[in-house]
C-alpha atoms as a PDB file:
ATOM      1  CA  MET A   1      30.438  54.393  13.960  1.00  0.00           C
ATOM      2  CA  ILE A   2      30.471  50.763  14.774  1.00  0.00           C
ATOM      3  CA  PRO A   3      33.626  49.358  13.665  1.00  0.00           C
ATOM      4  CA  ARG A   4      33.910  46.890  10.642  1.00  0.00           C
ATOM      5  CA  ALA A   5      34.844  43.982  12.948  1.00  0.00           C
ATOM      6  CA  ILE A   6      31.684  44.246  15.287  1.00  0.00           C
ATOM      7  CA  ARG A   7      29.523  44.588  11.902  1.00  0.00           C
ATOM      8  CA  THR A   8      31.298  41.594  10.219  1.00  0.00           C
ATOM      9  CA  ASN A   9      30.311  39.271  13.835  1.00  0.00           C
ATOM     10  CA  ARG A  10      26.860  40.383  13.716  1.00  0.00           C
ATOM     11  CA  ILE A  11      26.457  39.769   9.934  1.00  0.00           C
ATOM     12  CA  LEU A  12      27.962  36.566  10.259  1.00  0.00           C
ATOM     13  CA  LEU A  13      25.708  35.653  13.167  1.00  0.00           C
ATOM     14  CA  SER A  14      22.443  36.442  11.356  1.00  0.00           C
ATOM     15  CA  ALA A  15      23.932  33.986   8.475  1.00  0.00           C
ATOM     16  CA  VAL A  16      24.246  31.203  11.761  1.00  0.00           C
ATOM     17  CA  THR A  17      21.078  31.522  12.939  1.00  0.00           C
ATOM     18  CA  LEU A  18      19.558  31.712   9.262  1.00  0.00           C
ATOM     19  CA  LEU A  19      20.803  28.910   8.801  1.00  0.00           C
ATOM     20  CA  ALA A  20      19.922  27.579  11.903  1.00  0.00           C
ATOM     21  CA  ALA A  21      16.010  28.397  11.732  1.00  0.00           C
ATOM     22  CA  LEU A  22      16.303  26.810   8.000  1.00  0.00           C
ATOM     23  CA  THR A  23      17.337  23.462   9.151  1.00  0.00           C
ATOM     24  CA  VAL A  24      14.936  23.384  11.380  1.00  0.00           C
ATOM     25  CA  VAL A  25      12.094  24.093   8.910  1.00  0.00           C
ATOM     26  CA  ALA A  26      13.803  21.385   6.645  1.00  0.00           C
ATOM     27  CA  THR A  27      13.606  19.063   8.999  1.00  0.00           C
ATOM     28  CA  TYR A  28       9.948  19.664  10.337  1.00  0.00           C
ATOM     29  CA  ILE A  29       9.026  20.015   6.473  1.00  0.00           C
ATOM     30  CA  ALA A  30      10.555  16.273   5.596  1.00  0.00           C
ATOM     31  CA  GLY A  31       9.086  15.216   8.553  1.00  0.00           C
ATOM     32  CA  GLU A  32       6.034  16.183   7.853  1.00  0.00           C
ATOM     33  CA  ARG A  33       6.150  14.411   4.156  1.00  0.00           C
ATOM     34  CA  ALA A  34       7.327  11.556   5.381  1.00  0.00           C
ATOM     35  CA  GLY A  35       3.989  11.356   7.268  1.00  0.00           C
ATOM     36  CA  THR A  36       5.124  10.712  10.594  1.00  0.00           C
ATOM     37  CA  ALA A  37       5.970  13.007  13.659  1.00  0.00           C
ATOM     38  CA  ALA A  38       9.332  12.913  15.072  1.00  0.00           C
ATOM     39  CA  SER A  39       7.578  12.450  18.448  1.00  0.00           C
ATOM     40  CA  ASP A  40       5.527   9.146  16.863  1.00  0.00           C
ATOM     41  CA  ILE A  41       9.062   8.065  15.584  1.00  0.00           C
ATOM     42  CA  ARG A  42      10.531   8.293  19.358  1.00  0.00           C
ATOM     43  CA  SER A  43       7.662   6.601  21.084  1.00  0.00           C
ATOM     44  CA  ALA A  44       8.293   3.517  19.550  1.00  0.00           C
ATOM     45  CA  ASP A  45      11.296   3.362  21.098  1.00  0.00           C
ATOM     46  CA  SER A  46       9.452   2.430  23.768  1.00  0.00           C
ATOM     47  CA  PHE A  47       8.683  -1.033  22.590  1.00  0.00           C
ATOM     48  CA  THR A  48      12.368  -1.747  23.696  1.00  0.00           C
ATOM     49  CA  MET A  49      10.848  -2.405  27.692  1.00  0.00           C
ATOM     50  CA  LEU A  50       8.773  -5.530  26.193  1.00  0.00           C
ATOM     51  CA  ARG A  51      12.477  -6.852  24.101  1.00  0.00           C
ATOM     52  CA  LEU A  52      13.277 -10.579  25.261  1.00  0.00           C
ATOM     53  CA  GLU A  53      16.581 -12.594  25.627  1.00  0.00           C
ATOM     54  CA  ALA A  54      14.941 -15.884  24.091  1.00  0.00           C
ATOM     55  CA  SER A  55      14.968 -18.879  21.464  1.00  0.00           C
ATOM     56  CA  GLU A  56      11.907 -17.490  18.715  1.00  0.00           C
ATOM     57  CA  VAL A  57       9.440 -20.716  19.203  1.00  0.00           C
ATOM     58  CA  GLU A  58       8.710 -19.435  15.829  1.00  0.00           C
ATOM     59  CA  SER A  59      11.160 -18.607  12.830  1.00  0.00           C
ATOM     60  CA  TYR A  60      10.578 -17.656   9.224  1.00  0.00           C
ATOM     61  CA  SER A  61      12.701 -17.031   5.768  1.00  0.00           C
ATOM     62  CA  SER A  62      10.275 -14.664   4.421  1.00  0.00           C
ATOM     63  CA  LEU A  63       7.628 -12.051   5.302  1.00  0.00           C
ATOM     64  CA  THR A  64       5.435 -13.242   2.704  1.00  0.00           C
ATOM     65  CA  ALA A  65       6.138 -16.599   4.799  1.00  0.00           C
ATOM     66  CA  MET A  66       5.417 -15.224   7.868  1.00  0.00           C
ATOM     67  CA  LYS A  67       1.938 -13.655   6.688  1.00  0.00           C
ATOM     68  CA  ARG A  68       0.661 -17.212   5.118  1.00  0.00           C
ATOM     69  CA  SER A  69       1.459 -18.703   8.966  1.00  0.00           C
ATOM     70  CA  ALA A  70      -0.255 -16.142  10.877  1.00  0.00           C
ATOM     71  CA  ASP A  71      -3.576 -15.958  12.039  1.00  0.00           C
ATOM     72  CA  ALA A  72      -4.260 -12.806  11.296  1.00  0.00           C
ATOM     73  CA  VAL A  73      -1.914  -9.503   9.993  1.00  0.00           C
ATOM     74  CA  VAL A  74      -3.064  -5.806  11.180  1.00  0.00           C
ATOM     75  CA  MET A  75      -2.525  -2.254  11.246  1.00  0.00           C
ATOM     76  CA  GLY A  76      -2.691  -0.403  14.259  1.00  0.00           C
ATOM     77  CA  ARG A  77      -1.956   1.578  17.136  1.00  0.00           C
ATOM     78  CA  ILE A  78      -1.683   0.662  20.340  1.00  0.00           C
ATOM     79  CA  VAL A  79      -4.276   2.390  22.984  1.00  0.00           C
ATOM     80  CA  SER A  80      -3.500   1.083  26.389  1.00  0.00           C
ATOM     81  CA  PHE A  81      -1.026  -1.022  28.024  1.00  0.00           C
ATOM     82  CA  GLY A  82      -1.314  -3.084  31.442  1.00  0.00           C
ATOM     83  CA  VAL A  83      -0.265  -6.037  33.209  1.00  0.00           C
ATOM     84  CA  SER A  84      -3.212  -8.929  32.212  1.00  0.00           C
ATOM     85  CA  ARG A  85      -2.245 -11.969  34.188  1.00  0.00           C
ATOM     86  CA  THR A  86       0.281 -13.878  36.369  1.00  0.00           C
ATOM     87  CA  VAL A  87       0.707 -17.583  36.246  1.00  0.00           C
ATOM     88  CA  ARG A  88       2.238 -19.413  39.250  1.00  0.00           C
ATOM     89  CA  GLY A  89       3.969 -22.920  39.423  1.00  0.00           C
ATOM     90  CA  ASP A  90       4.979 -24.692  42.272  1.00  0.00           C
ATOM     91  CA  SER A  91       7.982 -23.337  42.740  1.00  0.00           C
ATOM     92  CA  PRO A  92       7.730 -19.403  44.651  1.00  0.00           C
ATOM     93  CA  LEU A  93      10.145 -18.380  42.011  1.00  0.00           C
ATOM     94  CA  ASP A  94       7.726 -19.725  39.086  1.00  0.00           C
ATOM     95  CA  ILE A  95       6.168 -16.966  38.132  1.00  0.00           C
ATOM     96  CA  VAL A  96       5.116 -15.586  34.458  1.00  0.00           C
ATOM     97  CA  VAL A  97       3.585 -12.446  34.269  1.00  0.00           C
ATOM     98  CA  TYR A  98       2.400 -11.344  30.883  1.00  0.00           C
ATOM     99  CA  GLY A  99       1.194  -7.753  29.978  1.00  0.00           C
ATOM    100  CA  SER A 100      -1.773  -7.020  27.640  1.00  0.00           C
ATOM    101  CA  ALA A 101      -1.832  -4.518  24.500  1.00  0.00           C
ATOM    102  CA  VAL A 102      -4.999  -3.270  23.234  1.00  0.00           C
ATOM    103  CA  ILE A 103      -4.622  -2.760  19.564  1.00  0.00           C
ATOM    104  CA  ASP A 104      -7.218  -0.094  17.721  1.00  0.00           C
ATOM    105  CA  VAL A 105      -7.028  -2.038  14.381  1.00  0.00           C
ATOM    106  CA  ASP A 106      -7.304  -0.038  11.440  1.00  0.00           C
ATOM    107  CA  ARG A 107      -6.321  -2.293   8.641  1.00  0.00           C
ATOM    108  CA  GLN A 108      -6.698  -5.868   8.467  1.00  0.00           C
ATOM    109  CA  LEU A 109      -4.532  -7.449   5.923  1.00  0.00           C
ATOM    110  CA  SER A 110      -5.234 -10.819   5.986  1.00  0.00           C
ATOM    111  CA  GLY A 111      -6.593 -13.435   7.975  1.00  0.00           C
ATOM    112  CA  ARG A 112      -9.481 -14.050  10.577  1.00  0.00           C
ATOM    113  CA  ALA A 113     -11.343 -10.290  11.264  1.00  0.00           C
ATOM    114  CA  LEU A 114     -10.210  -8.936  14.384  1.00  0.00           C
ATOM    115  CA  GLY A 115     -12.768  -6.031  14.612  1.00  0.00           C
ATOM    116  CA  GLY A 116     -12.114  -2.984  15.794  1.00  0.00           C
ATOM    117  CA  THR A 117      -9.794  -3.673  18.559  1.00  0.00           C
ATOM    118  CA  VAL A 118      -7.629  -7.216  19.252  1.00  0.00           C
ATOM    119  CA  ALA A 119      -5.929  -7.903  22.810  1.00  0.00           C
ATOM    120  CA  VAL A 120      -2.111  -8.748  22.384  1.00  0.00           C
ATOM    121  CA  GLU A 121      -0.458 -10.203  24.994  1.00  0.00           C
ATOM    122  CA  PHE A 122       3.190  -9.901  25.776  1.00  0.00           C
ATOM    123  CA  LEU A 123       5.581 -11.871  28.309  1.00  0.00           C
ATOM    124  CA  LEU A 124       7.243  -9.590  31.125  1.00  0.00           C
ATOM    125  CA  PRO A 125      10.401 -10.863  32.209  1.00  0.00           C
ATOM    126  CA  TYR A 126      10.172  -9.458  35.549  1.00  0.00           C
ATOM    127  CA  GLN A 127       8.411 -10.741  39.341  1.00  0.00           C
ATOM    128  CA  PRO A 128       5.203  -9.204  39.444  1.00  0.00           C
ATOM    129  CA  ALA A 129       6.035  -6.340  41.456  1.00  0.00           C
ATOM    130  CA  GLU A 130       8.519  -4.905  38.945  1.00  0.00           C
ATOM    131  CA  ALA A 131       6.601  -6.234  35.887  1.00  0.00           C
ATOM    132  CA  ALA A 132       3.873  -4.124  37.475  1.00  0.00           C
ATOM    133  CA  LYS A 133       6.358  -0.666  37.254  1.00  0.00           C
ATOM    134  CA  HIS A 134       7.688  -1.558  33.529  1.00  0.00           C
ATOM    135  CA  ALA A 135       3.477  -1.910  32.098  1.00  0.00           C
ATOM    136  CA  ALA A 136       2.998   1.189  33.866  1.00  0.00           C
ATOM    137  CA  ALA A 137       6.074   2.920  32.277  1.00  0.00           C
ATOM    138  CA  PHE A 138       5.331   1.638  28.779  1.00  0.00           C
ATOM    139  CA  ASN A 139       1.663   2.837  29.528  1.00  0.00           C
ATOM    140  CA  ALA A 140       2.649   6.505  29.878  1.00  0.00           C
ATOM    141  CA  ALA A 141       5.301   6.061  26.867  1.00  0.00           C
ATOM    142  CA  LEU A 142       2.423   4.627  24.379  1.00  0.00           C
ATOM    143  CA  PRO A 143       3.853   4.386  20.722  1.00  0.00           C
ATOM    144  CA  GLN A 144       1.641   6.853  18.687  1.00  0.00           C
ATOM    145  CA  ALA A 145       2.513   5.158  15.320  1.00  0.00           C
ATOM    146  CA  GLN A 146       1.262   2.977  13.498  1.00  0.00           C
ATOM    147  CA  ALA A 147       2.417  -0.479  13.610  1.00  0.00           C
ATOM    148  CA  LEU A 148       2.343  -3.585  11.747  1.00  0.00           C
ATOM    149  CA  MET A 149       1.538  -6.795  13.664  1.00  0.00           C
ATOM    150  CA  PHE A 150       2.132 -10.449  12.450  1.00  0.00           C
ATOM    151  CA  LEU A 151      -0.362 -12.391  15.140  1.00  0.00           C
ATOM    152  CA  ARG A 152      -1.135 -16.087  16.590  1.00  0.00           C
ATOM    153  CA  HIS A 153      -4.138 -16.539  18.342  1.00  0.00           C
ATOM    154  CA  LYS A 154      -3.393 -18.269  21.869  1.00  0.00           C
ATOM    155  CA  LYS A 155      -6.201 -21.116  21.718  1.00  0.00           C
ATOM    156  CA  GLY A 156      -5.851 -21.780  26.161  1.00  0.00           C
ATOM    157  CA  SER A 157      -9.056 -22.045  27.737  1.00  0.00           C
ATOM    158  CA  ALA A 158      -7.754 -19.270  29.734  1.00  0.00           C
ATOM    159  CA  GLU A 159      -6.426 -17.734  26.963  1.00  0.00           C
ATOM    160  CA  ALA A 160      -9.303 -17.068  24.874  1.00  0.00           C
ATOM    161  CA  GLY A 161      -9.655 -14.265  22.495  1.00  0.00           C
ATOM    162  CA  LEU A 162      -6.006 -13.754  23.091  1.00  0.00           C
ATOM    163  CA  TYR A 163      -2.780 -12.523  20.598  1.00  0.00           C
ATOM    164  CA  ARG A 164       0.606 -13.078  20.689  1.00  0.00           C
ATOM    165  CA  LEU A 165       3.148 -11.732  18.213  1.00  0.00           C
ATOM    166  CA  VAL A 166       4.142 -14.873  16.091  1.00  0.00           C
ATOM    167  CA  ASN A 167       7.651 -13.892  16.941  1.00  0.00           C
ATOM    168  CA  SER A 168       9.788 -10.942  17.481  1.00  0.00           C
ATOM    169  CA  ALA A 169       9.989  -9.978  14.261  1.00  0.00           C
ATOM    170  CA  GLY A 170       6.675  -9.831  14.268  1.00  0.00           C
ATOM    171  CA  LEU A 171       6.037  -6.000  14.817  1.00  0.00           C
ATOM    172  CA  TRP A 172       7.029  -3.629  12.178  1.00  0.00           C
ATOM    173  CA  THR A 173       6.953   0.140  12.973  1.00  0.00           C
ATOM    174  CA  GLY A 174       9.369   3.088  13.029  1.00  0.00           C
ATOM    175  CA  THR A 175      11.408   4.188  14.956  1.00  0.00           C
ATOM    176  CA  THR A 176      14.877   6.137  15.654  1.00  0.00           C
ATOM    177  CA  ARG A 177      17.507   2.985  14.804  1.00  0.00           C
ATOM    178  CA  ALA A 178      14.995   2.462  10.807  1.00  0.00           C
ATOM    179  CA  ALA A 179      12.368   4.035   9.343  1.00  0.00           C
ATOM    180  CA  VAL A 180      11.208   0.428   8.879  1.00  0.00           C
ATOM    181  CA  ASP A 181      12.358  -1.356  12.266  1.00  0.00           C
ATOM    182  CA  THR A 182      11.327  -4.529  14.096  1.00  0.00           C
ATOM    183  CA  PRO A 183      12.239  -2.761  17.599  1.00  0.00           C
ATOM    184  CA  LEU A 184      11.622  -6.130  19.751  1.00  0.00           C
ATOM    185  CA  THR A 185      14.659  -7.358  17.890  1.00  0.00           C
ATOM    186  CA  ASP A 186      18.310  -6.810  18.738  1.00  0.00           C
ATOM    187  CA  GLU A 187      19.195  -5.318  15.026  1.00  0.00           C
ATOM    188  CA  ALA A 188      16.888  -3.409  12.573  1.00  0.00           C
ATOM    189  CA  PRO A 189      15.843  -5.989   9.976  1.00  0.00           C
ATOM    190  CA  GLY A 190      17.451  -6.112   5.703  1.00  0.00           C
ATOM    191  CA  HIS A 191      21.003  -5.825   5.782  1.00  0.00           C
ATOM    192  CA  GLY A 192      21.533  -8.905   4.050  1.00  0.00           C
ATOM    193  CA  GLY A 193      18.892 -10.775   6.779  1.00  0.00           C
ATOM    194  CA  SER A 194      16.153 -12.788   5.755  1.00  0.00           C
ATOM    195  CA  PHE A 195      14.031  -9.722   5.100  1.00  0.00           C
ATOM    196  CA  THR A 196      16.775  -8.005   2.702  1.00  0.00           C
ATOM    197  CA  THR A 197      14.539  -8.523  -0.854  1.00  0.00           C
ATOM    198  CA  GLU A 198      11.410  -8.035   0.373  1.00  0.00           C
ATOM    199  CA  LEU A 199      12.314  -4.564   2.132  1.00  0.00           C
ATOM    200  CA  ASP A 200      14.347  -3.576  -1.075  1.00  0.00           C
ATOM    201  CA  SER A 201      12.790  -0.153  -1.864  1.00  0.00           C
ATOM    202  CA  VAL A 202      10.401   0.150   1.389  1.00  0.00           C
ATOM    203  CA  ARG A 203      10.718   3.496   3.013  1.00  0.00           C
ATOM    204  CA  SER A 204       8.259   2.988   5.240  1.00  0.00           C
ATOM    205  CA  VAL A 205       5.405   0.604   7.369  1.00  0.00           C
ATOM    206  CA  ASP A 206       2.703   1.837   5.133  1.00  0.00           C
ATOM    207  CA  GLN A 207       4.480   1.050   1.934  1.00  0.00           C
ATOM    208  CA  LEU A 208       5.687  -2.702   3.492  1.00  0.00           C
ATOM    209  CA  ALA A 209       1.846  -3.236   4.349  1.00  0.00           C
ATOM    210  CA  ASP A 210       0.865  -2.320   0.733  1.00  0.00           C
ATOM    211  CA  ARG A 211       3.347  -5.016  -0.803  1.00  0.00           C
ATOM    212  CA  LEU A 212       2.030  -7.520   2.130  1.00  0.00           C
ATOM    213  CA  ALA A 213      -1.839  -7.044   1.020  1.00  0.00           C
ATOM    214  CA  ARG A 214      -0.320  -8.075  -2.701  1.00  0.00           C
ATOM    215  CA  ALA A 215       2.131 -10.706  -1.888  1.00  0.00           C
END
């Protein structure tokens, strides 16, 4: 005969196990309903490798203004990333390294038609050897979720066909920090910032893209 205390402990253990299983299932279902896998959200955090500490060349008070100013606004997914060019000045330390992301364009929201793919350059704040390591690390952890990008055409002779983000808030995707985030900025958008009104009731980057398409 099993003592009552042991039977009680077994019942409690079974209840805890069942609760844990239900929590896992509920989390999985919630992720499926949101349309974004948890792994996609986590991989989007790798964008922080490309975050810069610098003053913005362009700034906007609204997403609508940013859209109208951008040469193109697209939804797409990064399929590769690597060092694209190194620009050297007169001083040995005067070196600028650029990385290039190849984007598969799934949706064109506005601006010039870019076709199926576009190359977007990012300034890498490292010396060449370190830049190569960071570029390889980013390529090994490419974000799988789609990103909304506000792009500026780079018009220099050595930059023909290349684009950049209009600023650090020119890339939107879901991250662990926020479902609708700008991972290249120090803080998530909203909460009294420039884009708070336009983000009202927006729960995903797809919803944001739909709203911008009508703007």
